[in-house]
């Protein structure tokens, strides 16, 4: 009720186009900060400032914080939530330049976090807007030097697709790319009631720890991603046909030979 009243006083309503579902449950917020193991030596990047409640908890843990939001109305509300220490920096920017590229201001903040003296862990801790989660996480993992740990609230379905295993319906390009770059697990599941407005789906706190070095080089990530999308767009077809769809220059004989060579 207090949040709704504060938003109404500022003439602000949650925007569906920004995927805004604000965390309002204090216990859930504290659990995120605990599970992310945030401390005074950490540099934290938060995507989706929202009303600033998670930002506040991260600040109370002593971390240096760069927090990003696309909505000037909501971030203005967060800025007025309290007197913020200098180690909390607000950025009014979309963290995605495109579906497959992170924005310059976000990359600059990540570089500054890496260059701190003394250097400590660099972490992503966020209640991610629903409409950017998969693109943001896969773009983040594809960086040459990704953060040390990523702890984010996402839709349960998104978490399951990123962690999907072979033989299951959730298995696809996102789960393959995630597996090549990072280890992952679901830390907690949350009901819609911890958010306002309540979403129509369940949520999960997802933990990703980038592998160093990853199984893909940075220059391999985009062409392999495109290959995966092309193959999986024919996932109900004969595999050799799906392979030729992904690589049209292959003859039927070459496609069959390629499959035999890897034991398929």
C-alpha atoms as a PDB file:
ATOM      1  CA  UNK A   1       0.000   0.000   0.000  1.00  0.00           C
ATOM      2  CA  UNK A   2       2.799   2.426   0.890  1.00  0.00           C
ATOM      3  CA  UNK A   3       4.488   1.774  -2.455  1.00  0.00           C
ATOM      4  CA  UNK A   4       1.287   2.291  -4.412  1.00  0.00           C
ATOM      5  CA  UNK A   5       0.658   5.548  -2.564  1.00  0.00           C
ATOM      6  CA  UNK A   6       4.218   6.781  -3.205  1.00  0.00           C
ATOM      7  CA  UNK A   7       3.971   5.987  -6.904  1.00  0.00           C
ATOM      8  CA  UNK A   8       0.553   7.629  -7.149  1.00  0.00           C
ATOM      9  CA  UNK A   9       1.870  10.764  -5.413  1.00  0.00           C
ATOM     10  CA  UNK A  10       4.519  11.024  -8.135  1.00  0.00           C
ATOM     11  CA  UNK A  11       2.023  10.305 -10.905  1.00  0.00           C
ATOM     12  CA  UNK A  12       3.764   7.018 -11.692  1.00  0.00           C
ATOM     13  CA  UNK A  13       2.226   3.666 -12.625  1.00  0.00           C
ATOM     14  CA  UNK A  14       4.139   0.446 -13.398  1.00  0.00           C
ATOM     15  CA  UNK A  15       4.847   0.210 -17.141  1.00  0.00           C
ATOM     16  CA  UNK A  16       4.192  -3.154 -18.759  1.00  0.00           C
ATOM     17  CA  UNK A  17       6.434  -2.224 -21.708  1.00  0.00           C
ATOM     18  CA  UNK A  18       9.393  -2.024 -19.281  1.00  0.00           C
ATOM     19  CA  UNK A  19       8.552  -5.326 -17.598  1.00  0.00           C
ATOM     20  CA  UNK A  20       8.101  -3.572 -14.242  1.00  0.00           C
ATOM     21  CA  UNK A  21       7.109  -5.765 -11.304  1.00  0.00           C
ATOM     22  CA  UNK A  22       8.511  -4.194  -8.156  1.00  0.00           C
ATOM     23  CA  UNK A  23       9.789  -6.310  -5.271  1.00  0.00           C
ATOM     24  CA  UNK A  24       7.899  -5.304  -2.129  1.00  0.00           C
ATOM     25  CA  UNK A  25       8.680  -8.179   0.241  1.00  0.00           C
ATOM     26  CA  UNK A  26      11.488  -7.184   2.622  1.00  0.00           C
ATOM     27  CA  UNK A  27      12.318 -10.785   3.496  1.00  0.00           C
ATOM     28  CA  UNK A  28      12.707 -11.642  -0.192  1.00  0.00           C
ATOM     29  CA  UNK A  29      14.983  -8.640  -0.702  1.00  0.00           C
ATOM     30  CA  UNK A  30      17.143  -9.582   2.285  1.00  0.00           C
ATOM     31  CA  UNK A  31      17.350 -13.171   0.997  1.00  0.00           C
ATOM     32  CA  UNK A  32      18.657 -11.953  -2.379  1.00  0.00           C
ATOM     33  CA  UNK A  33      21.410  -9.894  -0.750  1.00  0.00           C
ATOM     34  CA  UNK A  34      22.332 -12.803   1.532  1.00  0.00           C
ATOM     35  CA  UNK A  35      22.392 -15.353  -1.276  1.00  0.00           C
ATOM     36  CA  UNK A  36      24.503 -13.020  -3.424  1.00  0.00           C
ATOM     37  CA  UNK A  37      26.969 -12.807  -0.498  1.00  0.00           C
ATOM     38  CA  UNK A  38      27.269  -9.032  -0.913  1.00  0.00           C
ATOM     39  CA  UNK A  39      29.849  -7.306   1.292  1.00  0.00           C
ATOM     40  CA  UNK A  40      31.870  -4.073   1.576  1.00  0.00           C
ATOM     41  CA  UNK A  41      34.587  -5.264  -0.840  1.00  0.00           C
ATOM     42  CA  UNK A  42      32.113  -5.932  -3.667  1.00  0.00           C
ATOM     43  CA  UNK A  43      31.286  -3.819  -6.692  1.00  0.00           C
ATOM     44  CA  UNK A  44      27.646  -4.484  -7.609  1.00  0.00           C
ATOM     45  CA  UNK A  45      25.862  -3.625 -10.836  1.00  0.00           C
ATOM     46  CA  UNK A  46      22.077  -3.637 -10.506  1.00  0.00           C
ATOM     47  CA  UNK A  47      19.859  -3.685 -13.591  1.00  0.00           C
ATOM     48  CA  UNK A  48      16.395  -2.341 -12.852  1.00  0.00           C
ATOM     49  CA  UNK A  49      16.635   0.170  -9.998  1.00  0.00           C
ATOM     50  CA  UNK A  50      12.879   0.122  -9.627  1.00  0.00           C
ATOM     51  CA  UNK A  51      11.791   1.813  -6.430  1.00  0.00           C
ATOM     52  CA  UNK A  52      15.213   1.393  -4.835  1.00  0.00           C
ATOM     53  CA  UNK A  53      14.358  -1.173  -2.161  1.00  0.00           C
ATOM     54  CA  UNK A  54      16.940  -3.710  -3.361  1.00  0.00           C
ATOM     55  CA  UNK A  55      19.412  -0.870  -3.997  1.00  0.00           C
ATOM     56  CA  UNK A  56      18.921   0.192  -0.371  1.00  0.00           C
ATOM     57  CA  UNK A  57      19.621  -3.335   0.930  1.00  0.00           C
ATOM     58  CA  UNK A  58      22.754  -3.590  -1.233  1.00  0.00           C
ATOM     59  CA  UNK A  59      23.937  -0.212   0.085  1.00  0.00           C
ATOM     60  CA  UNK A  60      23.334  -1.328   3.674  1.00  0.00           C
ATOM     61  CA  UNK A  61      25.604  -4.323   2.979  1.00  0.00           C
ATOM     62  CA  UNK A  62      28.406  -1.843   2.214  1.00  0.00           C
ATOM     63  CA  UNK A  63      28.860  -2.513  -1.498  1.00  0.00           C
ATOM     64  CA  UNK A  64      29.831  -0.022  -4.191  1.00  0.00           C
ATOM     65  CA  UNK A  65      26.800   0.121  -6.517  1.00  0.00           C
ATOM     66  CA  UNK A  66      26.024   1.188 -10.069  1.00  0.00           C
ATOM     67  CA  UNK A  67      22.291   0.896 -10.611  1.00  0.00           C
ATOM     68  CA  UNK A  68      20.581   1.224 -14.002  1.00  0.00           C
ATOM     69  CA  UNK A  69      17.004   1.931 -15.015  1.00  0.00           C
ATOM     70  CA  UNK A  70      15.292   2.971 -18.222  1.00  0.00           C
ATOM     71  CA  UNK A  71      12.362   4.792 -16.558  1.00  0.00           C
ATOM     72  CA  UNK A  72      13.139   8.363 -15.382  1.00  0.00           C
ATOM     73  CA  UNK A  73       9.948   8.586 -13.287  1.00  0.00           C
ATOM     74  CA  UNK A  74      10.672   5.472 -11.263  1.00  0.00           C
ATOM     75  CA  UNK A  75      14.354   6.218 -10.809  1.00  0.00           C
ATOM     76  CA  UNK A  76      13.503   9.721  -9.561  1.00  0.00           C
ATOM     77  CA  UNK A  77      11.346   8.041  -6.917  1.00  0.00           C
ATOM     78  CA  UNK A  78      14.269   5.784  -5.950  1.00  0.00           C
ATOM     79  CA  UNK A  79      16.677   8.717  -5.724  1.00  0.00           C
ATOM     80  CA  UNK A  80      14.349  10.401  -3.237  1.00  0.00           C
ATOM     81  CA  UNK A  81      13.906   7.250  -1.182  1.00  0.00           C
ATOM     82  CA  UNK A  82      16.800   8.149   1.139  1.00  0.00           C
ATOM     83  CA  UNK A  83      20.085  10.046   1.291  1.00  0.00           C
ATOM     84  CA  UNK A  84      22.392   7.833  -0.716  1.00  0.00           C
ATOM     85  CA  UNK A  85      26.126   7.451  -0.020  1.00  0.00           C
ATOM     86  CA  UNK A  86      28.569   8.472  -2.760  1.00  0.00           C
ATOM     87  CA  UNK A  87      29.328   4.823  -3.502  1.00  0.00           C
ATOM     88  CA  UNK A  88      25.820   4.469  -4.979  1.00  0.00           C
ATOM     89  CA  UNK A  89      25.642   5.793  -8.548  1.00  0.00           C
ATOM     90  CA  UNK A  90      22.402   6.029 -10.550  1.00  0.00           C
ATOM     91  CA  UNK A  91      22.363   5.614 -14.340  1.00  0.00           C
ATOM     92  CA  UNK A  92      19.318   6.451 -16.456  1.00  0.00           C
ATOM     93  CA  UNK A  93      19.987   4.199 -19.440  1.00  0.00           C
ATOM     94  CA  UNK A  94      18.849   1.052 -21.210  1.00  0.00           C
ATOM     95  CA  UNK A  95      21.533  -1.586 -20.533  1.00  0.00           C
ATOM     96  CA  UNK A  96      20.870  -3.192 -23.938  1.00  0.00           C
ATOM     97  CA  UNK A  97      22.016  -1.358 -27.039  1.00  0.00           C
ATOM     98  CA  UNK A  98      20.370  -4.102 -29.069  1.00  0.00           C
ATOM     99  CA  UNK A  99      19.048  -7.594 -28.413  1.00  0.00           C
ATOM    100  CA  UNK A 100      22.605  -8.961 -28.613  1.00  0.00           C
ATOM    101  CA  UNK A 101      24.732  -6.037 -27.420  1.00  0.00           C
ATOM    102  CA  UNK A 102      25.187  -4.329 -24.064  1.00  0.00           C
ATOM    103  CA  UNK A 103      25.080  -0.529 -23.948  1.00  0.00           C
ATOM    104  CA  UNK A 104      28.246   1.532 -23.632  1.00  0.00           C
ATOM    105  CA  UNK A 105      27.419   3.135 -20.240  1.00  0.00           C
ATOM    106  CA  UNK A 106      26.876  -0.299 -18.705  1.00  0.00           C
ATOM    107  CA  UNK A 107      30.144  -1.644 -20.153  1.00  0.00           C
ATOM    108  CA  UNK A 108      31.970   1.470 -18.902  1.00  0.00           C
ATOM    109  CA  UNK A 109      30.643   0.915 -15.371  1.00  0.00           C
ATOM    110  CA  UNK A 110      31.719  -2.730 -15.543  1.00  0.00           C
ATOM    111  CA  UNK A 111      35.223  -1.676 -16.616  1.00  0.00           C
ATOM    112  CA  UNK A 112      35.450   0.859 -13.774  1.00  0.00           C
ATOM    113  CA  UNK A 113      34.374  -1.801 -11.306  1.00  0.00           C
ATOM    114  CA  UNK A 114      37.171  -4.075 -12.560  1.00  0.00           C
ATOM    115  CA  UNK A 115      39.730  -1.245 -12.281  1.00  0.00           C
ATOM    116  CA  UNK A 116      39.029  -0.405  -8.609  1.00  0.00           C
ATOM    117  CA  UNK A 117      41.917  -0.243  -6.161  1.00  0.00           C
ATOM    118  CA  UNK A 118      41.846  -2.380  -4.130  1.00  0.00           C
ATOM    119  CA  UNK A 119      40.038  -4.703  -6.506  1.00  0.00           C
ATOM    120  CA  UNK A 120      37.295  -6.937  -5.143  1.00  0.00           C
ATOM    121  CA  UNK A 121      34.614  -9.184  -6.645  1.00  0.00           C
ATOM    122  CA  UNK A 122      32.364  -7.705  -9.328  1.00  0.00           C
ATOM    123  CA  UNK A 123      28.782  -8.954  -9.069  1.00  0.00           C
ATOM    124  CA  UNK A 124      25.462  -8.528 -10.826  1.00  0.00           C
ATOM    125  CA  UNK A 125      22.581  -8.494  -8.328  1.00  0.00           C
ATOM    126  CA  UNK A 126      19.179  -7.582  -9.754  1.00  0.00           C
ATOM    127  CA  UNK A 127      15.469  -8.046  -9.925  1.00  0.00           C
ATOM    128  CA  UNK A 128      15.708  -8.141 -13.711  1.00  0.00           C
ATOM    129  CA  UNK A 129      12.902  -6.623 -15.788  1.00  0.00           C
ATOM    130  CA  UNK A 130      11.106  -9.601 -17.327  1.00  0.00           C
ATOM    131  CA  UNK A 131      11.438  -8.430 -20.921  1.00  0.00           C
ATOM    132  CA  UNK A 132      15.267  -8.205 -20.979  1.00  0.00           C
ATOM    133  CA  UNK A 133      16.384 -11.152 -18.827  1.00  0.00           C
ATOM    134  CA  UNK A 134      17.483 -13.714 -21.435  1.00  0.00           C
ATOM    135  CA  UNK A 135      19.095 -11.217 -23.830  1.00  0.00           C
ATOM    136  CA  UNK A 136      20.893  -9.433 -21.005  1.00  0.00           C
ATOM    137  CA  UNK A 137      22.238 -12.590 -19.348  1.00  0.00           C
ATOM    138  CA  UNK A 138      23.478 -14.201 -22.562  1.00  0.00           C
ATOM    139  CA  UNK A 139      25.120 -10.935 -23.667  1.00  0.00           C
ATOM    140  CA  UNK A 140      26.749 -10.643 -20.258  1.00  0.00           C
ATOM    141  CA  UNK A 141      28.110 -14.194 -20.341  1.00  0.00           C
ATOM    142  CA  UNK A 142      29.541 -13.633 -23.837  1.00  0.00           C
ATOM    143  CA  UNK A 143      31.813 -10.815 -22.620  1.00  0.00           C
ATOM    144  CA  UNK A 144      35.584 -11.504 -22.631  1.00  0.00           C
ATOM    145  CA  UNK A 145      35.699 -10.642 -18.913  1.00  0.00           C
ATOM    146  CA  UNK A 146      32.242 -11.144 -17.375  1.00  0.00           C
ATOM    147  CA  UNK A 147      31.385 -10.402 -13.707  1.00  0.00           C
ATOM    148  CA  UNK A 148      32.545 -12.877 -11.087  1.00  0.00           C
ATOM    149  CA  UNK A 149      29.006 -13.852 -10.063  1.00  0.00           C
ATOM    150  CA  UNK A 150      25.463 -13.148 -11.241  1.00  0.00           C
ATOM    151  CA  UNK A 151      22.484 -13.420  -8.858  1.00  0.00           C
ATOM    152  CA  UNK A 152      19.228 -12.326 -10.444  1.00  0.00           C
ATOM    153  CA  UNK A 153      15.483 -12.645 -10.007  1.00  0.00           C
ATOM    154  CA  UNK A 154      13.870 -13.846 -13.247  1.00  0.00           C
ATOM    155  CA  UNK A 155      10.735 -15.647 -14.344  1.00  0.00           C
ATOM    156  CA  UNK A 156      10.913 -19.297 -13.285  1.00  0.00           C
ATOM    157  CA  UNK A 157      10.403 -20.316 -16.922  1.00  0.00           C
ATOM    158  CA  UNK A 158      13.443 -18.259 -17.989  1.00  0.00           C
ATOM    159  CA  UNK A 159      15.601 -19.831 -15.285  1.00  0.00           C
ATOM    160  CA  UNK A 160      14.500 -23.322 -16.308  1.00  0.00           C
ATOM    161  CA  UNK A 161      15.260 -22.639 -19.976  1.00  0.00           C
ATOM    162  CA  UNK A 162      18.736 -21.341 -19.144  1.00  0.00           C
ATOM    163  CA  UNK A 163      19.416 -24.439 -17.041  1.00  0.00           C
ATOM    164  CA  UNK A 164      17.689 -26.912 -19.399  1.00  0.00           C
ATOM    165  CA  UNK A 165      19.276 -30.326 -19.847  1.00  0.00           C
ATOM    166  CA  UNK A 166      19.358 -32.551 -22.919  1.00  0.00           C
ATOM    167  CA  UNK A 167      16.230 -34.615 -23.364  1.00  0.00           C
ATOM    168  CA  UNK A 168      13.946 -32.036 -21.717  1.00  0.00           C
ATOM    169  CA  UNK A 169      11.557 -29.556 -23.310  1.00  0.00           C
ATOM    170  CA  UNK A 170      13.475 -26.628 -21.751  1.00  0.00           C
ATOM    171  CA  UNK A 171      16.650 -27.551 -23.660  1.00  0.00           C
ATOM    172  CA  UNK A 172      17.507 -25.141 -26.475  1.00  0.00           C
ATOM    173  CA  UNK A 173      19.942 -22.418 -27.600  1.00  0.00           C
ATOM    174  CA  UNK A 174      19.805 -20.427 -24.304  1.00  0.00           C
ATOM    175  CA  UNK A 175      20.623 -23.493 -22.184  1.00  0.00           C
ATOM    176  CA  UNK A 176      23.442 -24.545 -24.528  1.00  0.00           C
ATOM    177  CA  UNK A 177      25.022 -21.080 -24.562  1.00  0.00           C
ATOM    178  CA  UNK A 178      24.676 -20.766 -20.789  1.00  0.00           C
ATOM    179  CA  UNK A 179      26.318 -24.183 -20.270  1.00  0.00           C
ATOM    180  CA  UNK A 180      29.278 -23.194 -22.462  1.00  0.00           C
ATOM    181  CA  UNK A 181      29.854 -20.029 -20.414  1.00  0.00           C
ATOM    182  CA  UNK A 182      28.761 -20.581 -16.815  1.00  0.00           C
ATOM    183  CA  UNK A 183      27.633 -22.958 -14.112  1.00  0.00           C
ATOM    184  CA  UNK A 184      24.152 -22.217 -12.823  1.00  0.00           C
ATOM    185  CA  UNK A 185      21.460 -23.196 -10.355  1.00  0.00           C
ATOM    186  CA  UNK A 186      18.193 -21.953  -8.907  1.00  0.00           C
ATOM    187  CA  UNK A 187      18.670 -20.725  -5.338  1.00  0.00           C
ATOM    188  CA  UNK A 188      15.046 -19.952  -4.439  1.00  0.00           C
ATOM    189  CA  UNK A 189      11.593 -19.854  -5.944  1.00  0.00           C
ATOM    190  CA  UNK A 190       9.200 -16.999  -5.233  1.00  0.00           C
ATOM    191  CA  UNK A 191       5.411 -16.667  -5.568  1.00  0.00           C
ATOM    192  CA  UNK A 192       3.804 -13.705  -7.367  1.00  0.00           C
ATOM    193  CA  UNK A 193       2.822 -12.204  -3.986  1.00  0.00           C
ATOM    194  CA  UNK A 194       6.331 -10.787  -3.333  1.00  0.00           C
ATOM    195  CA  UNK A 195       5.830  -8.334  -6.232  1.00  0.00           C
ATOM    196  CA  UNK A 196       3.575  -5.424  -7.047  1.00  0.00           C
ATOM    197  CA  UNK A 197       1.855  -5.530  -9.402  1.00  0.00           C
ATOM    198  CA  UNK A 198       1.625  -9.308  -9.056  1.00  0.00           C
ATOM    199  CA  UNK A 199       2.823 -11.082 -12.214  1.00  0.00           C
ATOM    200  CA  UNK A 200       0.929 -14.050 -13.613  1.00  0.00           C
ATOM    201  CA  UNK A 201       4.020 -16.273 -13.314  1.00  0.00           C
ATOM    202  CA  UNK A 202       6.295 -17.619 -10.600  1.00  0.00           C
ATOM    203  CA  UNK A 203       9.832 -16.287 -10.235  1.00  0.00           C
ATOM    204  CA  UNK A 204      13.209 -17.725  -9.307  1.00  0.00           C
ATOM    205  CA  UNK A 205      16.482 -16.442  -7.935  1.00  0.00           C
ATOM    206  CA  UNK A 206      19.072 -17.637 -10.444  1.00  0.00           C
ATOM    207  CA  UNK A 207      22.786 -17.928  -9.683  1.00  0.00           C
ATOM    208  CA  UNK A 208      25.314 -17.995 -12.551  1.00  0.00           C
ATOM    209  CA  UNK A 209      29.073 -18.275 -12.057  1.00  0.00           C
ATOM    210  CA  UNK A 210      30.996 -17.612 -15.293  1.00  0.00           C
ATOM    211  CA  UNK A 211      33.575 -20.226 -16.216  1.00  0.00           C
ATOM    212  CA  UNK A 212      37.116 -18.970 -16.778  1.00  0.00           C
ATOM    213  CA  UNK A 213      38.001 -19.554 -19.519  1.00  0.00           C
ATOM    214  CA  UNK A 214      34.621 -20.346 -21.106  1.00  0.00           C
ATOM    215  CA  UNK A 215      34.288 -23.146 -23.636  1.00  0.00           C
ATOM    216  CA  UNK A 216      33.672 -20.580 -26.395  1.00  0.00           C
ATOM    217  CA  UNK A 217      36.034 -17.788 -27.381  1.00  0.00           C
ATOM    218  CA  UNK A 218      34.431 -14.323 -27.676  1.00  0.00           C
ATOM    219  CA  UNK A 219      34.803 -14.385 -31.479  1.00  0.00           C
ATOM    220  CA  UNK A 220      33.017 -17.757 -31.628  1.00  0.00           C
ATOM    221  CA  UNK A 221      29.964 -16.740 -29.614  1.00  0.00           C
ATOM    222  CA  UNK A 222      27.915 -14.914 -32.248  1.00  0.00           C
ATOM    223  CA  UNK A 223      28.437 -17.360 -35.154  1.00  0.00           C
ATOM    224  CA  UNK A 224      27.732 -20.319 -32.889  1.00  0.00           C
ATOM    225  CA  UNK A 225      24.595 -18.618 -31.536  1.00  0.00           C
ATOM    226  CA  UNK A 226      23.358 -18.068 -35.083  1.00  0.00           C
ATOM    227  CA  UNK A 227      24.128 -21.708 -35.906  1.00  0.00           C
ATOM    228  CA  UNK A 228      22.135 -22.901 -32.868  1.00  0.00           C
ATOM    229  CA  UNK A 229      19.115 -20.781 -33.747  1.00  0.00           C
ATOM    230  CA  UNK A 230      19.143 -22.097 -37.300  1.00  0.00           C
ATOM    231  CA  UNK A 231      19.413 -25.739 -36.179  1.00  0.00           C
ATOM    232  CA  UNK A 232      16.727 -25.439 -33.500  1.00  0.00           C
ATOM    233  CA  UNK A 233      14.347 -23.693 -35.869  1.00  0.00           C
ATOM    234  CA  UNK A 234      14.058 -27.159 -37.467  1.00  0.00           C
ATOM    235  CA  UNK A 235      14.017 -29.153 -34.257  1.00  0.00           C
ATOM    236  CA  UNK A 236      11.183 -31.396 -35.422  1.00  0.00           C
ATOM    237  CA  UNK A 237      12.913 -32.209 -38.718  1.00  0.00           C
ATOM    238  CA  UNK A 238      15.500 -34.873 -39.537  1.00  0.00           C
ATOM    239  CA  UNK A 239      18.794 -33.700 -38.033  1.00  0.00           C
ATOM    240  CA  UNK A 240      20.702 -33.735 -41.312  1.00  0.00           C
ATOM    241  CA  UNK A 241      18.040 -31.426 -42.801  1.00  0.00           C
ATOM    242  CA  UNK A 242      18.307 -29.093 -39.790  1.00  0.00           C
ATOM    243  CA  UNK A 243      22.086 -29.039 -40.226  1.00  0.00           C
ATOM    244  CA  UNK A 244      21.761 -28.115 -43.902  1.00  0.00           C
ATOM    245  CA  UNK A 245      19.330 -25.347 -42.946  1.00  0.00           C
ATOM    246  CA  UNK A 246      22.035 -23.962 -40.636  1.00  0.00           C
ATOM    247  CA  UNK A 247      24.796 -24.473 -43.206  1.00  0.00           C
ATOM    248  CA  UNK A 248      23.189 -24.295 -46.680  1.00  0.00           C
ATOM    249  CA  UNK A 249      26.501 -24.931 -48.474  1.00  0.00           C
ATOM    250  CA  UNK A 250      26.590 -28.502 -47.137  1.00  0.00           C
ATOM    251  CA  UNK A 251      25.567 -31.283 -49.478  1.00  0.00           C
ATOM    252  CA  UNK A 252      23.322 -34.038 -48.151  1.00  0.00           C
ATOM    253  CA  UNK A 253      26.338 -36.380 -48.127  1.00  0.00           C
ATOM    254  CA  UNK A 254      28.521 -33.886 -46.226  1.00  0.00           C
ATOM    255  CA  UNK A 255      25.781 -33.273 -43.646  1.00  0.00           C
ATOM    256  CA  UNK A 256      25.344 -37.017 -43.083  1.00  0.00           C
ATOM    257  CA  UNK A 257      29.118 -37.466 -42.782  1.00  0.00           C
ATOM    258  CA  UNK A 258      29.358 -34.645 -40.235  1.00  0.00           C
ATOM    259  CA  UNK A 259      26.737 -36.333 -38.052  1.00  0.00           C
ATOM    260  CA  UNK A 260      28.455 -39.716 -38.287  1.00  0.00           C
ATOM    261  CA  UNK A 261      31.764 -38.079 -37.314  1.00  0.00           C
ATOM    262  CA  UNK A 262      30.318 -36.991 -33.949  1.00  0.00           C
ATOM    263  CA  UNK A 263      28.506 -40.251 -33.317  1.00  0.00           C
ATOM    264  CA  UNK A 264      24.980 -39.189 -34.285  1.00  0.00           C
END
